[in-house]
Amino acid sequence: MADLPENERSTVEQREQYGREIDARNAALENVEVPPEMKALADHEIPPPLTEEEVRAKVGDQNFRNANDDNAPTSINS
């Protein structure tokens, strides 16, 4: 349908065919198998939460302090 000129309208048959093609493509994508590395982790595979020191090491000391400092009011419109 994208190959039609801008001022030309598609026929009912063309629109129905386009709809069937899109439906077939979507149906094919719905049944895609998820690779094992993308599946959710089992409970025994979930790592323990990070300690405060580990978080500080990952984000930096100043960022950690800024994230935990509640002195600034939150903006309603942002």
Protein backbone atom coordinates (compact mmCIF):
# COMPACT_ATOMS: atom_id res chain seq x y z
CA MET A 1 0.00 0.00 0.00
CA ALA A 2 2.95 2.33 0.44
CA ASP A 3 3.59 2.25 -3.32
CA LEU A 4 0.37 4.16 -4.12
CA PRO A 5 0.61 7.81 -5.10
CA GLU A 6 -0.58 10.21 -2.43
CA ASN A 7 -3.69 11.25 -4.36
CA GLU A 8 -4.79 7.68 -5.22
CA ARG A 9 -6.98 5.66 -2.86
CA SER A 10 -6.59 1.96 -2.25
CA THR A 11 -9.36 -0.47 -3.06
CA VAL A 12 -11.20 -2.56 -0.51
CA GLU A 13 -9.39 -5.65 -1.79
CA GLN A 14 -5.98 -3.97 -1.37
CA ARG A 15 -6.80 -2.92 2.19
CA GLU A 16 -8.07 -6.40 3.05
CA GLN A 17 -4.93 -7.99 1.58
CA TYR A 18 -2.73 -5.56 3.51
CA GLY A 19 -4.63 -6.38 6.72
CA ARG A 20 -4.18 -10.12 6.14
CA GLU A 21 -0.43 -9.64 5.58
CA ILE A 22 -0.07 -7.61 8.77
CA ASP A 23 -2.12 -10.15 10.75
CA ALA A 24 0.03 -13.01 9.43
CA ARG A 25 3.22 -11.15 10.33
CA ASN A 26 1.96 -10.39 13.83
CA ALA A 27 0.84 -13.99 14.35
CA ALA A 28 4.29 -15.21 13.34
CA LEU A 29 5.92 -12.88 15.85
CA GLU A 30 3.60 -13.87 18.70
CA ASN A 31 4.84 -17.44 18.71
CA VAL A 32 8.55 -16.65 18.81
CA GLU A 33 10.42 -18.77 21.34
CA VAL A 34 12.32 -16.78 23.94
CA PRO A 35 16.01 -17.73 24.16
CA PRO A 36 17.02 -19.23 27.52
CA GLU A 37 19.27 -16.29 28.37
CA MET A 38 16.28 -13.93 28.09
CA LYS A 39 13.93 -15.91 30.34
CA ALA A 40 13.16 -14.82 33.88
CA LEU A 41 15.51 -16.07 36.56
CA ALA A 42 14.44 -18.75 38.99
CA ASP A 43 14.33 -17.81 42.68
CA HIS A 44 17.60 -19.58 43.39
CA GLU A 45 19.30 -17.63 40.54
CA ILE A 46 18.41 -14.15 41.80
CA PRO A 47 21.48 -12.50 43.34
CA PRO A 48 21.23 -11.04 46.85
CA PRO A 49 20.60 -7.30 47.17
CA LEU A 50 23.62 -5.03 47.04
CA THR A 51 25.00 -3.67 50.26
CA GLU A 52 25.21 0.07 50.80
CA GLU A 53 28.98 -0.04 50.19
CA GLU A 54 28.51 -1.90 46.89
CA VAL A 55 25.97 0.66 45.72
CA ARG A 56 28.33 3.51 46.66
CA ALA A 57 31.12 1.83 44.69
CA LYS A 58 28.90 1.46 41.62
CA VAL A 59 27.31 4.94 41.53
CA GLY A 60 29.89 7.03 43.33
CA ASP A 61 29.78 8.52 46.79
CA GLN A 62 28.34 11.91 45.79
CA ASN A 63 25.58 10.36 43.65
CA PHE A 64 24.67 8.07 46.53
CA ARG A 65 24.44 11.01 48.92
CA ASN A 66 22.40 13.05 46.44
CA ALA A 67 19.96 10.17 45.91
CA ASN A 68 19.47 9.70 49.64
CA ASP A 69 19.31 13.42 50.51
CA ASP A 70 15.64 14.37 50.74
CA ASN A 71 16.11 18.10 51.41
CA ALA A 72 14.91 19.19 47.95
CA PRO A 73 11.17 18.96 47.31
CA THR A 74 10.14 16.91 44.31
CA SER A 75 8.68 18.77 41.37
CA ILE A 76 5.09 17.88 40.57
CA ASN A 77 5.32 18.84 36.89
CA SER A 78 8.54 17.16 35.90
